[in-house]
Amino acid sequence: MIHPKDDDWPSKHIDVHLYLVYDASMKTRLPVLQPDICCVSVIDPDSMPAEEREQTLRVFKALADGTRFDVFRLIASQDGAICACDVVDRFDVSQPTIAHHLKVLREAGLITVSRRGVWAWYAVEPAGLATLELVAEELATPTRQLAMAG
């Protein structure tokens, strides 16, 4: 039994306190179907080869920066390649910073670069988009299975 009069009660029973706060804030209550069994329907993701996993992590790390994400979105929204000068003009950071972001995106396999005279032109790398689509599809699969079952 918890004794609220004990001066040391909060420090001894922080889990109880957190549970009470968490429980009170829950909006949905589901019935317990099998109270003696917990987590019987855990879905394990398919195994991923180490090389594919590392490539996927590189892609997500590259997109984790807000400016880099926006640069990628700009390039991906074009019908073709976009000149580096047009990328630099749209962001409130210096040209060397944009060059760094473009390099990270290129090394992650998300964009390609080609030279036209003195200018660099950037376009989306289809394999990079395929990686993003594959991961999104993989993550959405359990949700779709639940939606179909319900």
N, C-alpha and C. Protein backbone atom coordinates (compact mmCIF):
# COMPACT_ATOMS: atom_id res chain seq x y z
N MET A 1 0.85 -1.18 0.00
CA MET A 1 0.00 0.00 0.00
C MET A 1 0.89 1.23 0.00
N ILE A 2 0.52 2.22 -0.80
CA ILE A 2 1.26 3.46 -0.89
C ILE A 2 0.70 4.42 0.15
N HIS A 3 1.59 5.07 0.86
CA HIS A 3 1.18 6.00 1.90
C HIS A 3 1.53 7.42 1.49
N PRO A 4 0.56 8.21 1.02
CA PRO A 4 0.84 9.57 0.57
C PRO A 4 1.38 10.47 1.68
N LYS A 5 1.19 10.11 2.94
CA LYS A 5 1.68 10.95 4.03
C LYS A 5 3.19 10.85 4.18
N ASP A 6 3.78 9.80 3.63
CA ASP A 6 5.23 9.61 3.69
C ASP A 6 5.89 10.73 2.87
N ASP A 7 6.81 11.50 3.47
CA ASP A 7 7.46 12.62 2.78
C ASP A 7 8.26 12.17 1.57
N ASP A 8 8.74 10.95 1.59
CA ASP A 8 9.57 10.45 0.51
C ASP A 8 8.76 9.68 -0.53
N TRP A 9 7.44 9.74 -0.45
CA TRP A 9 6.56 8.96 -1.31
C TRP A 9 6.80 9.21 -2.81
N PRO A 10 6.88 10.46 -3.30
CA PRO A 10 7.04 10.63 -4.75
C PRO A 10 8.32 10.02 -5.29
N SER A 11 9.40 10.14 -4.57
CA SER A 11 10.65 9.61 -5.09
C SER A 11 10.68 8.08 -5.06
N LYS A 12 9.97 7.48 -4.12
CA LYS A 12 9.95 6.02 -4.03
C LYS A 12 9.00 5.42 -5.05
N HIS A 13 8.00 6.15 -5.44
CA HIS A 13 6.94 5.57 -6.27
C HIS A 13 6.68 6.41 -7.51
N ILE A 14 7.73 6.81 -8.18
CA ILE A 14 7.58 7.64 -9.37
C ILE A 14 6.83 6.89 -10.47
N ASP A 15 7.03 5.59 -10.58
CA ASP A 15 6.33 4.82 -11.60
C ASP A 15 4.83 4.86 -11.39
N VAL A 16 4.40 4.78 -10.16
CA VAL A 16 2.97 4.84 -9.86
C VAL A 16 2.44 6.21 -10.26
N HIS A 17 3.18 7.25 -9.94
CA HIS A 17 2.75 8.60 -10.29
C HIS A 17 2.64 8.75 -11.81
N LEU A 18 3.66 8.30 -12.54
CA LEU A 18 3.62 8.39 -13.99
C LEU A 18 2.48 7.58 -14.57
N TYR A 19 2.23 6.43 -14.01
CA TYR A 19 1.13 5.60 -14.49
C TYR A 19 -0.19 6.32 -14.33
N LEU A 20 -0.40 6.94 -13.18
CA LEU A 20 -1.66 7.64 -12.93
C LEU A 20 -1.85 8.79 -13.91
N VAL A 21 -0.78 9.53 -14.19
CA VAL A 21 -0.87 10.63 -15.15
C VAL A 21 -1.11 10.09 -16.55
N TYR A 22 -0.37 9.08 -16.92
CA TYR A 22 -0.50 8.49 -18.25
C TYR A 22 -1.87 7.88 -18.43
N ASP A 23 -2.33 7.15 -17.44
CA ASP A 23 -3.63 6.49 -17.52
C ASP A 23 -4.75 7.51 -17.65
N ALA A 24 -4.67 8.60 -16.93
CA ALA A 24 -5.72 9.62 -16.98
C ALA A 24 -5.75 10.32 -18.34
N SER A 25 -4.62 10.37 -19.05
CA SER A 25 -4.56 11.07 -20.32
C SER A 25 -4.93 10.19 -21.51
N MET A 26 -5.10 8.91 -21.30
CA MET A 26 -5.42 8.00 -22.41
C MET A 26 -6.85 8.26 -22.88
N LYS A 27 -7.04 8.33 -24.19
CA LYS A 27 -8.34 8.63 -24.75
C LYS A 27 -9.12 7.37 -25.11
N THR A 28 -8.44 6.30 -25.43
CA THR A 28 -9.10 5.09 -25.88
C THR A 28 -8.82 3.95 -24.91
N ARG A 29 -9.84 3.27 -24.56
CA ARG A 29 -9.70 2.11 -23.69
C ARG A 29 -10.16 0.87 -24.47
N LEU A 30 -9.30 -0.10 -24.58
CA LEU A 30 -9.64 -1.33 -25.27
C LEU A 30 -9.82 -2.44 -24.24
N PRO A 31 -10.74 -3.34 -24.50
CA PRO A 31 -10.93 -4.44 -23.55
C PRO A 31 -9.75 -5.40 -23.58
N VAL A 32 -9.42 -5.96 -22.44
CA VAL A 32 -8.36 -6.96 -22.35
C VAL A 32 -9.00 -8.30 -22.68
N LEU A 33 -8.57 -8.90 -23.81
CA LEU A 33 -9.17 -10.14 -24.26
C LEU A 33 -8.58 -11.35 -23.56
N GLN A 34 -7.28 -11.34 -23.36
CA GLN A 34 -6.60 -12.44 -22.69
C GLN A 34 -5.68 -11.84 -21.64
N PRO A 35 -6.16 -11.63 -20.43
CA PRO A 35 -5.35 -10.93 -19.43
C PRO A 35 -4.07 -11.64 -19.03
N ASP A 36 -3.98 -12.94 -19.23
CA ASP A 36 -2.79 -13.67 -18.83
C ASP A 36 -1.72 -13.72 -19.93
N ILE A 37 -2.02 -13.21 -21.13
CA ILE A 37 -1.08 -13.24 -22.24
C ILE A 37 -0.86 -11.80 -22.72
N CYS A 38 0.38 -11.44 -22.89
CA CYS A 38 0.71 -10.09 -23.36
C CYS A 38 1.45 -10.18 -24.68
N CYS A 39 1.13 -9.28 -25.58
CA CYS A 39 1.87 -9.10 -26.83
C CYS A 39 1.96 -10.37 -27.68
N VAL A 40 0.85 -11.01 -27.92
CA VAL A 40 0.89 -12.24 -28.70
C VAL A 40 0.97 -12.01 -30.20
N SER A 41 0.64 -10.82 -30.67
CA SER A 41 0.60 -10.60 -32.11
C SER A 41 1.66 -9.63 -32.59
N VAL A 42 2.85 -9.73 -32.05
CA VAL A 42 3.95 -8.87 -32.50
C VAL A 42 4.39 -9.32 -33.88
N ILE A 43 4.49 -8.37 -34.79
CA ILE A 43 4.91 -8.67 -36.16
C ILE A 43 6.36 -8.27 -36.31
N ASP A 44 7.22 -9.22 -36.59
CA ASP A 44 8.63 -8.92 -36.82
C ASP A 44 8.82 -8.46 -38.26
N PRO A 45 9.62 -7.42 -38.47
CA PRO A 45 9.88 -7.00 -39.86
C PRO A 45 10.71 -8.05 -40.57
N ASP A 46 10.60 -8.06 -41.89
CA ASP A 46 11.43 -8.96 -42.69
C ASP A 46 12.89 -8.60 -42.45
N SER A 47 13.75 -9.59 -42.56
CA SER A 47 15.17 -9.32 -42.38
C SER A 47 15.66 -8.46 -43.54
N MET A 48 16.66 -7.65 -43.26
CA MET A 48 17.20 -6.75 -44.26
C MET A 48 18.70 -7.00 -44.36
N PRO A 49 19.20 -7.23 -45.57
CA PRO A 49 20.65 -7.42 -45.72
C PRO A 49 21.41 -6.21 -45.18
N ALA A 50 22.58 -6.44 -44.62
CA ALA A 50 23.36 -5.39 -43.98
C ALA A 50 23.64 -4.22 -44.93
N GLU A 51 23.98 -4.52 -46.17
CA GLU A 51 24.30 -3.46 -47.13
C GLU A 51 23.06 -2.60 -47.42
N GLU A 52 21.92 -3.23 -47.57
CA GLU A 52 20.67 -2.50 -47.81
C GLU A 52 20.30 -1.65 -46.59
N ARG A 53 20.53 -2.20 -45.42
CA ARG A 53 20.24 -1.47 -44.18
C ARG A 53 21.11 -0.23 -44.08
N GLU A 54 22.41 -0.37 -44.38
CA GLU A 54 23.33 0.76 -44.32
C GLU A 54 22.95 1.84 -45.34
N GLN A 55 22.56 1.42 -46.54
CA GLN A 55 22.14 2.38 -47.56
C GLN A 55 20.88 3.12 -47.11
N THR A 56 19.95 2.40 -46.53
CA THR A 56 18.72 3.02 -46.05
C THR A 56 19.02 4.02 -44.93
N LEU A 57 19.93 3.66 -44.03
CA LEU A 57 20.31 4.58 -42.97
C LEU A 57 20.99 5.83 -43.53
N ARG A 58 21.82 5.68 -44.56
CA ARG A 58 22.46 6.84 -45.19
C ARG A 58 21.41 7.79 -45.76
N VAL A 59 20.40 7.21 -46.40
CA VAL A 59 19.33 8.02 -46.99
C VAL A 59 18.60 8.81 -45.90
N PHE A 60 18.22 8.13 -44.83
CA PHE A 60 17.48 8.82 -43.77
C PHE A 60 18.36 9.83 -43.02
N LYS A 61 19.62 9.52 -42.83
CA LYS A 61 20.52 10.49 -42.19
C LYS A 61 20.67 11.73 -43.07
N ALA A 62 20.75 11.53 -44.38
CA ALA A 62 20.87 12.66 -45.29
C ALA A 62 19.63 13.54 -45.23
N LEU A 63 18.48 12.95 -45.10
CA LEU A 63 17.23 13.71 -45.08
C LEU A 63 16.87 14.24 -43.70
N ALA A 64 17.64 13.90 -42.69
CA ALA A 64 17.33 14.32 -41.32
C ALA A 64 17.56 15.81 -41.09
N ASP A 65 18.37 16.45 -41.91
CA ASP A 65 18.61 17.88 -41.79
C ASP A 65 17.49 18.61 -42.54
N GLY A 66 16.90 19.62 -41.92
CA GLY A 66 15.78 20.34 -42.51
C GLY A 66 16.09 21.00 -43.84
N THR A 67 17.22 21.68 -43.92
CA THR A 67 17.58 22.34 -45.18
C THR A 67 17.85 21.31 -46.26
N ARG A 68 18.55 20.24 -45.90
CA ARG A 68 18.85 19.19 -46.88
C ARG A 68 17.56 18.53 -47.37
N PHE A 69 16.63 18.32 -46.46
CA PHE A 69 15.34 17.74 -46.84
C PHE A 69 14.63 18.66 -47.84
N ASP A 70 14.65 19.96 -47.57
CA ASP A 70 14.01 20.92 -48.48
C ASP A 70 14.72 20.99 -49.83
N VAL A 71 16.05 20.90 -49.82
CA VAL A 71 16.81 20.88 -51.07
C VAL A 71 16.42 19.65 -51.88
N PHE A 72 16.34 18.51 -51.21
CA PHE A 72 15.95 17.28 -51.91
C PHE A 72 14.54 17.41 -52.48
N ARG A 73 13.63 17.95 -51.70
CA ARG A 73 12.25 18.13 -52.18
C ARG A 73 12.21 19.03 -53.41
N LEU A 74 13.02 20.10 -53.39
CA LEU A 74 13.08 21.00 -54.54
C LEU A 74 13.55 20.24 -55.77
N ILE A 75 14.63 19.50 -55.63
CA ILE A 75 15.18 18.76 -56.77
C ILE A 75 14.19 17.69 -57.25
N ALA A 76 13.57 17.00 -56.31
CA ALA A 76 12.64 15.93 -56.66
C ALA A 76 11.37 16.45 -57.34
N SER A 77 11.03 17.70 -57.10
CA SER A 77 9.79 18.23 -57.69
C SER A 77 9.97 18.72 -59.13
N GLN A 78 11.19 18.69 -59.63
CA GLN A 78 11.46 19.16 -60.99
C GLN A 78 11.18 18.04 -62.00
N ASP A 79 10.83 18.47 -63.22
CA ASP A 79 10.63 17.51 -64.31
C ASP A 79 11.96 16.95 -64.82
N GLY A 80 13.01 17.71 -64.64
CA GLY A 80 14.34 17.29 -65.07
C GLY A 80 15.37 17.82 -64.10
N ALA A 81 16.57 18.02 -64.59
CA ALA A 81 17.65 18.51 -63.74
C ALA A 81 17.45 20.00 -63.44
N ILE A 82 17.99 20.45 -62.31
CA ILE A 82 17.93 21.85 -61.90
C ILE A 82 19.36 22.34 -61.69
N CYS A 83 19.61 23.56 -62.13
CA CYS A 83 20.94 24.15 -62.02
C CYS A 83 21.24 24.47 -60.56
N ALA A 84 22.50 24.31 -60.17
CA ALA A 84 22.92 24.60 -58.80
C ALA A 84 22.61 26.04 -58.42
N CYS A 85 22.71 26.97 -59.37
CA CYS A 85 22.44 28.38 -59.07
C CYS A 85 20.98 28.57 -58.67
N ASP A 86 20.08 27.79 -59.26
CA ASP A 86 18.66 27.89 -58.90
C ASP A 86 18.39 27.30 -57.51
N VAL A 87 19.18 26.32 -57.13
CA VAL A 87 19.04 25.76 -55.78
C VAL A 87 19.52 26.78 -54.76
N VAL A 88 20.69 27.36 -55.00
CA VAL A 88 21.27 28.33 -54.07
C VAL A 88 20.34 29.52 -53.88
N ASP A 89 19.71 29.99 -54.97
CA ASP A 89 18.84 31.17 -54.91
C ASP A 89 17.62 30.98 -54.01
N ARG A 90 17.21 29.76 -53.78
CA ARG A 90 15.98 29.51 -53.04
C ARG A 90 16.16 29.30 -51.54
N PHE A 91 17.39 29.34 -51.08
CA PHE A 91 17.64 29.07 -49.66
C PHE A 91 18.42 30.21 -49.02
N ASP A 92 18.16 30.41 -47.75
CA ASP A 92 18.77 31.50 -47.01
C ASP A 92 20.05 31.04 -46.31
N VAL A 93 20.86 30.29 -47.02
CA VAL A 93 22.17 29.86 -46.52
C VAL A 93 23.19 30.12 -47.62
N SER A 94 24.44 30.08 -47.27
CA SER A 94 25.49 30.40 -48.24
C SER A 94 25.67 29.29 -49.28
N GLN A 95 26.32 29.66 -50.37
CA GLN A 95 26.58 28.70 -51.45
C GLN A 95 27.42 27.51 -50.96
N PRO A 96 28.46 27.72 -50.13
CA PRO A 96 29.21 26.56 -49.64
C PRO A 96 28.35 25.61 -48.80
N THR A 97 27.41 26.16 -48.06
CA THR A 97 26.52 25.30 -47.27
C THR A 97 25.62 24.47 -48.18
N ILE A 98 25.08 25.09 -49.22
CA ILE A 98 24.26 24.35 -50.18
C ILE A 98 25.11 23.29 -50.88
N ALA A 99 26.34 23.64 -51.22
CA ALA A 99 27.25 22.67 -51.86
C ALA A 99 27.46 21.47 -50.94
N HIS A 100 27.63 21.72 -49.66
CA HIS A 100 27.79 20.62 -48.70
C HIS A 100 26.54 19.74 -48.67
N HIS A 101 25.36 20.38 -48.59
CA HIS A 101 24.11 19.60 -48.55
C HIS A 101 23.95 18.77 -49.83
N LEU A 102 24.29 19.35 -50.97
CA LEU A 102 24.19 18.61 -52.23
C LEU A 102 25.16 17.43 -52.24
N LYS A 103 26.33 17.61 -51.68
CA LYS A 103 27.30 16.52 -51.60
C LYS A 103 26.77 15.38 -50.73
N VAL A 104 26.19 15.71 -49.60
CA VAL A 104 25.64 14.67 -48.70
C VAL A 104 24.51 13.93 -49.40
N LEU A 105 23.63 14.65 -50.09
CA LEU A 105 22.53 14.00 -50.81
C LEU A 105 23.07 13.10 -51.92
N ARG A 106 24.11 13.56 -52.59
CA ARG A 106 24.72 12.77 -53.67
C ARG A 106 25.37 11.50 -53.11
N GLU A 107 26.10 11.63 -51.99
CA GLU A 107 26.75 10.47 -51.39
C GLU A 107 25.74 9.47 -50.83
N ALA A 108 24.56 9.95 -50.46
CA ALA A 108 23.51 9.06 -49.96
C ALA A 108 22.78 8.36 -51.11
N GLY A 109 23.08 8.76 -52.33
CA GLY A 109 22.44 8.12 -53.48
C GLY A 109 21.06 8.68 -53.79
N LEU A 110 20.77 9.90 -53.33
CA LEU A 110 19.45 10.49 -53.57
C LEU A 110 19.41 11.38 -54.81
N ILE A 111 20.55 11.95 -55.19
CA ILE A 111 20.58 12.82 -56.36
C ILE A 111 21.81 12.50 -57.21
N THR A 112 21.75 12.93 -58.46
CA THR A 112 22.89 12.81 -59.37
C THR A 112 23.30 14.22 -59.80
N VAL A 113 24.50 14.35 -60.28
CA VAL A 113 24.99 15.63 -60.77
C VAL A 113 25.61 15.44 -62.15
N SER A 114 25.40 16.42 -63.00
CA SER A 114 26.05 16.43 -64.32
C SER A 114 26.54 17.85 -64.58
N ARG A 115 27.54 17.99 -65.43
CA ARG A 115 28.11 19.31 -65.74
C ARG A 115 27.60 19.77 -67.10
N ARG A 116 27.22 21.03 -67.15
CA ARG A 116 26.86 21.69 -68.41
C ARG A 116 27.64 23.00 -68.42
N GLY A 117 28.75 22.98 -69.10
CA GLY A 117 29.64 24.15 -69.05
C GLY A 117 30.23 24.26 -67.67
N VAL A 118 30.08 25.42 -67.05
CA VAL A 118 30.64 25.62 -65.72
C VAL A 118 29.62 25.30 -64.62
N TRP A 119 28.40 25.01 -64.99
CA TRP A 119 27.34 24.79 -64.00
C TRP A 119 27.11 23.31 -63.71
N ALA A 120 26.75 23.05 -62.48
CA ALA A 120 26.37 21.69 -62.08
C ALA A 120 24.85 21.61 -62.08
N TRP A 121 24.33 20.53 -62.62
CA TRP A 121 22.88 20.32 -62.68
C TRP A 121 22.55 19.08 -61.88
N TYR A 122 21.52 19.19 -61.05
CA TYR A 122 21.15 18.11 -60.13
C TYR A 122 19.79 17.53 -60.48
N ALA A 123 19.69 16.22 -60.36
CA ALA A 123 18.43 15.52 -60.63
C ALA A 123 18.28 14.40 -59.60
N VAL A 124 17.07 13.93 -59.45
CA VAL A 124 16.81 12.84 -58.51
C VAL A 124 17.40 11.55 -59.05
N GLU A 125 18.00 10.77 -58.17
CA GLU A 125 18.51 9.44 -58.51
C GLU A 125 17.35 8.46 -58.31
N PRO A 126 16.89 7.80 -59.38
CA PRO A 126 15.76 6.89 -59.25
C PRO A 126 15.96 5.81 -58.19
N ALA A 127 17.18 5.32 -58.02
CA ALA A 127 17.44 4.28 -57.01
C ALA A 127 17.21 4.83 -55.60
N GLY A 128 17.54 6.11 -55.39
CA GLY A 128 17.30 6.73 -54.09
C GLY A 128 15.82 6.85 -53.80
N LEU A 129 15.05 7.25 -54.80
CA LEU A 129 13.59 7.30 -54.63
C LEU A 129 13.03 5.91 -54.38
N ALA A 130 13.57 4.92 -55.06
CA ALA A 130 13.11 3.55 -54.87
C ALA A 130 13.35 3.09 -53.43
N THR A 131 14.49 3.48 -52.86
CA THR A 131 14.78 3.14 -51.47
C THR A 131 13.73 3.73 -50.55
N LEU A 132 13.41 5.01 -50.75
CA LEU A 132 12.40 5.67 -49.92
C LEU A 132 11.03 5.01 -50.09
N GLU A 133 10.67 4.69 -51.31
CA GLU A 133 9.37 4.06 -51.56
C GLU A 133 9.30 2.67 -50.93
N LEU A 134 10.39 1.92 -51.03
CA LEU A 134 10.43 0.57 -50.46
C LEU A 134 10.26 0.61 -48.95
N VAL A 135 10.97 1.53 -48.29
CA VAL A 135 10.87 1.64 -46.84
C VAL A 135 9.47 2.08 -46.44
N ALA A 136 8.91 3.06 -47.15
CA ALA A 136 7.56 3.52 -46.84
C ALA A 136 6.55 2.40 -47.01
N GLU A 137 6.70 1.63 -48.07
CA GLU A 137 5.79 0.50 -48.31
C GLU A 137 5.93 -0.56 -47.22
N GLU A 138 7.18 -0.84 -46.85
CA GLU A 138 7.45 -1.84 -45.82
C GLU A 138 6.85 -1.43 -44.47
N LEU A 139 7.00 -0.15 -44.14
CA LEU A 139 6.47 0.33 -42.87
C LEU A 139 4.95 0.39 -42.86
N ALA A 140 4.34 0.59 -44.02
CA ALA A 140 2.88 0.69 -44.11
C ALA A 140 2.21 -0.67 -44.20
N THR A 141 2.94 -1.73 -44.48
CA THR A 141 2.35 -3.05 -44.68
C THR A 141 1.54 -3.53 -43.48
N PRO A 142 2.05 -3.50 -42.24
CA PRO A 142 1.22 -3.95 -41.12
C PRO A 142 -0.04 -3.11 -40.96
N THR A 143 0.04 -1.82 -41.23
CA THR A 143 -1.13 -0.95 -41.13
C THR A 143 -2.18 -1.36 -42.14
N ARG A 144 -1.73 -1.65 -43.36
CA ARG A 144 -2.68 -2.07 -44.40
C ARG A 144 -3.30 -3.41 -44.04
N GLN A 145 -2.51 -4.31 -43.46
CA GLN A 145 -3.06 -5.62 -43.09
C GLN A 145 -4.12 -5.46 -42.01
N LEU A 146 -3.89 -4.56 -41.05
CA LEU A 146 -4.88 -4.32 -40.02
C LEU A 146 -6.14 -3.67 -40.59
N ALA A 147 -5.96 -2.75 -41.53
CA ALA A 147 -7.10 -2.07 -42.14
C ALA A 147 -7.95 -3.05 -42.95
N MET A 148 -7.28 -3.99 -43.62
CA MET A 148 -8.01 -4.99 -44.40
C MET A 148 -8.75 -5.97 -43.51
N ALA A 149 -8.16 -6.29 -42.36
CA ALA A 149 -8.77 -7.25 -41.45
C ALA A 149 -9.97 -6.64 -40.75
N GLY A 150 -9.94 -5.32 -40.51
CA GLY A 150 -11.00 -4.63 -39.76
C GLY A 150 -12.08 -4.25 -40.64
